[in-house]
Amino acid sequence: MRYRLTFIAGVALGYVLGTRAGRERYEQLKKSARQFAQNPAVRNTCETAAQSGREFAGKAYHAVGEKVGDKVPSSVTDRVRSLRGRGASGEDDWGTTNT
């Protein structure tokens, strides 16, 4: 409950500050965020972190698979396989490759 109240207070504070700052400040922040996200150093760091995360997730997947083995019902394994197939498009939401 404490976290919910903190979140609601943060939203309210953000709304009040946002309405006072106006559209011009919003556009300025948006431009700064876009420039930051398009910085090559930031993009390389993000892609490296994403690759490390995928490698770690793959290792964890295999480790859990070895320990759990055949103890998981087939309905659960079928559902996991169908979910894994969704993300195989080759690009993420940011337009970068998943390699």
Protein backbone atom coordinates (compact mmCIF):
# COMPACT_ATOMS: atom_id res chain seq x y z
CA MET A 1 0.00 0.00 0.00
CA ARG A 2 2.89 2.34 0.76
CA TYR A 3 4.25 1.97 -2.75
CA ARG A 4 0.86 2.66 -4.27
CA LEU A 5 0.56 5.89 -2.29
CA THR A 6 4.10 6.90 -3.29
CA PHE A 7 3.29 6.22 -6.92
CA ILE A 8 0.06 8.24 -6.77
CA ALA A 9 1.87 11.12 -5.09
CA GLY A 10 4.56 11.02 -7.79
CA VAL A 11 1.98 11.07 -10.55
CA ALA A 12 0.17 13.99 -8.96
CA LEU A 13 3.41 15.93 -8.47
CA GLY A 14 4.48 15.22 -12.04
CA TYR A 15 1.12 16.37 -13.34
CA VAL A 16 1.24 19.64 -11.40
CA LEU A 17 4.82 20.39 -12.42
CA GLY A 18 4.09 19.40 -16.00
CA THR A 19 1.11 21.69 -16.31
CA ARG A 20 3.10 24.59 -14.90
CA ALA A 21 6.04 24.02 -17.23
CA GLY A 22 3.85 23.95 -20.32
CA ARG A 23 4.20 22.53 -23.80
CA GLU A 24 7.43 24.34 -24.64
CA ARG A 25 9.32 22.71 -21.78
CA TYR A 26 7.83 19.33 -22.70
CA GLU A 27 9.11 19.65 -26.26
CA GLN A 28 12.52 20.71 -24.94
CA LEU A 29 12.73 17.64 -22.68
CA LYS A 30 11.55 15.40 -25.50
CA LYS A 31 14.26 16.75 -27.82
CA SER A 32 16.93 16.23 -25.14
CA ALA A 33 15.78 12.66 -24.51
CA ARG A 34 15.83 11.90 -28.23
CA GLN A 35 19.37 13.31 -28.60
CA PHE A 36 20.51 11.25 -25.62
CA ALA A 37 18.96 8.06 -27.01
CA GLN A 38 20.54 8.62 -30.44
CA ASN A 39 24.03 9.18 -29.03
CA PRO A 40 26.27 6.39 -30.43
CA ALA A 41 27.93 5.77 -27.05
CA VAL A 42 24.55 5.35 -25.36
CA ARG A 43 23.28 3.08 -28.13
CA ASN A 44 26.41 0.90 -27.97
CA THR A 45 26.15 0.62 -24.20
CA CYS A 46 22.47 -0.31 -24.42
CA GLU A 47 23.10 -2.93 -27.08
CA THR A 48 25.98 -4.40 -25.07
CA ALA A 49 23.79 -4.54 -21.97
CA ALA A 50 20.98 -6.15 -23.95
CA GLN A 51 23.35 -8.76 -25.39
CA SER A 52 24.72 -9.53 -21.91
CA GLY A 53 21.17 -9.85 -20.62
CA ARG A 54 20.25 -12.27 -23.41
CA GLU A 55 23.33 -14.38 -22.72
CA PHE A 56 22.58 -14.45 -18.99
CA ALA A 57 18.94 -15.34 -19.67
CA GLY A 58 20.02 -18.17 -21.96
CA LYS A 59 22.35 -19.57 -19.30
CA ALA A 60 19.63 -19.27 -16.67
CA TYR A 61 17.15 -20.96 -19.00
CA HIS A 62 19.44 -23.94 -19.47
CA ALA A 63 20.31 -24.16 -15.76
CA VAL A 64 16.65 -24.10 -14.75
CA GLY A 65 15.77 -26.55 -17.51
CA GLU A 66 18.36 -29.02 -16.24
CA LYS A 67 17.16 -28.75 -12.64
CA VAL A 68 13.44 -28.80 -13.34
CA GLY A 69 13.58 -31.34 -16.15
CA ASP A 70 10.34 -33.20 -16.75
CA LYS A 71 8.65 -31.93 -13.57
CA VAL A 72 6.82 -29.15 -15.42
CA PRO A 73 3.47 -30.08 -17.00
CA SER A 74 3.38 -30.14 -20.78
CA SER A 75 0.74 -27.39 -20.87
CA VAL A 76 3.21 -24.99 -19.25
CA THR A 77 6.10 -25.96 -21.55
CA ASP A 78 3.89 -25.54 -24.62
CA ARG A 79 2.86 -22.07 -23.44
CA VAL A 80 6.49 -21.04 -22.83
CA ARG A 81 7.52 -22.26 -26.28
CA SER A 82 4.72 -20.26 -27.90
CA LEU A 83 5.79 -17.13 -26.01
CA ARG A 84 9.43 -17.59 -27.01
CA GLY A 85 8.40 -17.72 -30.67
CA ARG A 86 6.85 -14.25 -30.53
CA GLY A 87 10.12 -12.39 -30.00
CA ALA A 88 11.95 -13.95 -32.94
CA SER A 89 11.35 -11.02 -35.33
CA GLY A 90 15.00 -9.88 -35.27
CA GLU A 91 14.26 -6.29 -34.22
CA ASP A 92 13.16 -4.85 -30.94
CA ASP A 93 10.86 -1.87 -30.31
CA TRP A 94 13.77 0.56 -30.71
CA GLY A 95 14.61 -0.58 -34.24
CA THR A 96 17.87 -2.22 -33.24
CA THR A 97 18.74 -5.79 -34.05
CA ASN A 98 18.63 -8.50 -31.44
CA THR A 99 22.00 -9.94 -32.30
